[in-house]
Every structure is written in structure tokens, then in C-alpha cells.
Amino acid sequence: MSTAITPMRSSALDALRGLAIIGMILSGHIAHGGVLPAWMHHAQVPPPDHQFNPAIAGITWVDLVFPMFLFAMGMAFPFSLRSRLGKGVAEWRIVLQAFKRWGWLFFFALFYQHLIPQYMTSSPGTVEQLLALGGFVLLFAIYGTHPRIRQWKYHEHFNTLGLLLAIVYLLLLPGESKPGDSRYFSLERTDIIILILSNVAFFGAVAWLLTRNNVLPRLALLAVLFALRLSQSAGDNWTAVLWNGSPLPWFFNFSFLQYLHIVLAGSIVGDLAQAYAAKRETGDGSSSLTATGWLMVALVMLSLTGLFGRWGFPLFLLQLGFLALTALLLRKDGSPTARFLGQLLAWGSAFLIIGMAFEPYEGGIRKDHATMSYYYVTAGLSTFLFMAFFLLLDHYRARGWQWLTHTGRNPMIAYVAPWLLVWPILKISGLAGFVEGMNGNALLGLLRGVLITGLSLAATVGLTRWGWRWKT
């Protein structure tokens, strides 16, 4: 028996996912080498040499974008999976679909990484740029869906044919092999971000499916992951073997499941958002709701500033003050929307407080290697950003944000567009030298990233409006 509710789409969730993708693109294409301040880069990879230093504690906005995307993935489970349950899809079919998605995402990670010209050769030329562009086009055949394609008689075979062509394309790609390999193609040459996403997408979906009617078992699962995460670092023991071992390390690694802390936290918030979606109200609302949105944005900025600056306990007190003030405003409002936001605030506060309580542990919060504090602080901050977007887009229905929501609805296109579309076109056209030279000062260094990000978003939004979607 299913008690599923067919959900409405959440523009706030699309915006949160879109913001994460934009952050990934921008942070990867701004100028390096000390032109921009340290808080514009990963905290553990500071300028000017950008060498990884695990001894540096703290996070920046750059360190928030990946967990924000993980959180959005978790939030999407109730929306997408309850919809399938409501249509009568059997649970075993949903699990099978989730496993297939794991495979499709793995191939995406594999194919994309092989297509990046800089990995084909240390000095990529026009041929490598054209191969990247060809791969970008081929990705439409693998993952693309379009209203006109769905009208074809054999449309269900479109993506399968694309996959077969992509495998041939992948095996024939020229490139420099890794040490010890005789050919460029390697199952170990994958995009690590997408590889992690492929793992947690499957296990997160199964975990939500098994606990969808009761959050307590989900919390128990988080507790088990919590225990394994702590005990695996306690020396030579079975949990360390489990944590670090894998029969297929190029496909699955148990340690990737540490990010389920963020994904499952997102699924809890997603449950609340999905349940509210069908009955939500729109309108002007009260000044308390408007203030809540601004307070959430300010709290995220305050937290990132304080964690990067290592403020310690004073930061925690300031965070508690923001949370208390927001709770009072929502209680004063008393509307259904305020009560819903109050539920989100409660969970976001719990995540943030847990994360801050763990902040001194393991030498301070870090993205790499991820600390216990990192999981829950970023889950809390992602909750607050969703609250702000919910008020802006789902409650007030603000206009002019389609560029952000369209990006969030087509994240796969946006993710690969810089290296497979924008830079190849710039290289072939001869304009790349101008863009690469934008590193003389902080403003130019930032504009370089804004330019690449803007061009990538323009392509993504344009394709989305044209009706193209990449799906797994």
C-alpha cells in the first residue's frame, strides 16, 4: 500500500542545485597564483602555490558547493521517489532504477574525464578540442531527452544507441596513458565528484525508500555511519578494512558513503518540503518571513567567515543568536508557512549545532579530508539556503531567477560545459589567450571566472529552454 503524494516541483530546490553548480564552475575557473584572496579558493589549497595542506583548518564558500549539491540530491528523493510510488511503481523496480542510475552516472564520470583535452595530452591542440566538442554532442545521444525525440517510433532506443557509440568513441580516443597503462582508456580515469555522487545516489535512494515512513530508522542509520566513521580511524581493525577496501575501487568505495551524512540530512528536509509542497501558499506574507530569508543568508555568510577566520566559541554564540531570533520571528508570524519554516529551522539548527560541537575535533573543520564537523555544518548551512530560496521562489514567486532554476534542472550540462564546450570554442577561435591572460589583478581574476561561468550558464539555459534535458 502506498501513501505517496504526487509532488509539485520545488523551484527552491532547483535554485539550490543551480547555485551549487555555479559555485563549482566559478571556483574552478577564477585566476590562481595569488591574485585572489585565500577565501576565494578551497581552504586547504591556499594561494599562491595552491598545494594541498591538510593541516589548515576552516572552510570557504568554495568548500560549501559540493555538500550543497549532495544535500540537494538528498532533498530530491522524496519528490522523485514518492511520485513513482504514487504511480504504482513497485519498490523493487525503484531499486533497480536506482542501480541503473548508478551505472549511468559512473559512465558519465568515466566518459567526461576522458574527454577533457588537458588529460588527453599535456599540450592539447585543435584535434583534442574538436574531440571534446564531439564528445559533448555525443552526450546528448547518451543522456539527452527532448519532446521531439519522444515522438519517434523507436525513441526508447535513442540513449542505448548513444551509449554504444560513446563506448566506441571512448575506446578510440587518443591520449597519454597513465604510468603502468598501455592505453589512454582506463576505468580508473573518472571524475571523482561524479563518482562519489553515483555511489551515494544509489545507497541514499535505497536508504530513503526503506525509511520513508519513519525518520527514526534513518537517524539510526546515520548513527551507524557515525560509528563506522569514527572507529575506522582507531587503528588496524575490521571497520578500517571495510572503510578502505573495495573489490571494484574504480566503481565503488565504502568510504564514499561518509557523504550520506549530508545526503540523508537533505532527505529529512526534503520530506518536509515535499509534504508541504501540495498545500503551500503564495503571497506577500509578513515582514517576519522576509526578515527570515535575510537572516538565513546572513547566517550562512557569518558562519563561513567565522569558520575561515577560526573565531571559535564567539562564532557559535553568534550563530545561536541568529537561530533564536529567527525562531522568535517565525513563532510571532504563526502562519502555515512560518510553521513549515520553523520545522526546517529546527532541523537546520540541529545539524549546525552538531557540526559546531564537533568543530574542535580532528583539528578543526576541513573539506579534505572531510571531518565530522564538515558533514553537519554544511548540511545546516544548506538547509538555511533552501529556506531563503523557498521564500524567494516558492512562496513569493519572485521573477527573474529562471537562469538559476534552469541551471538546477540541467546540472549535467552545466557541469561539463566549461571543459567540453566553452574552452574548446575559445581555443579553436583563438580567444582563449585573452581569457587566460585575465590574471593581472583581483578584478580581472574574478572576471575570468565570471566569463567562463556566464558562457556555460548561457549554453545550459538556452538548451533547457529549447527543451533539452540530460537525465540518468
Foldseek 3Di string as FASTA:
>chain_A
DAPFDQFDDFLLLLLLLLVLLLLQLLLVFFDAQPQAAQLSHFQQQGDRVRDGHPLGFAGHVSLLSLLSNLLSLLLCLSNPVSNCVVVVDDPVVVLVVLLVLLVLLLVLQQLLLLLQQCQQDVDGALVSLVLLQVSLVLLCQQFKDFPVLVPDPPSVCSNVVSVVVSVVSSVPRHGDPDVPDPGNRDLLRGDVSSLLVSACSNVSSVLCVVQVPHCVVVVVVVVVLVVLVVVLPVDDDPSVCQQADDPCVSRDGNVSCNLVLSSNLSNVLSSLCRVCRVPDAADDADVLLVVLLVLLVVLLVLVNVCRSVVVAPVSVVVSVVSLVVNLVSLVVRPDPLSVSVNVLSVSLVVLQVVLSVCQPPPNGQRVVVGDPSSSSNSSSSSSSSSSNSCCCPVHHNDPDCLLSSLCSQAVSQLNSCLRSPVVSVCNVVVNVVVLNPQSPHNVSSSVSSVVSSVVSSVVSSVCVVNGMHGDD
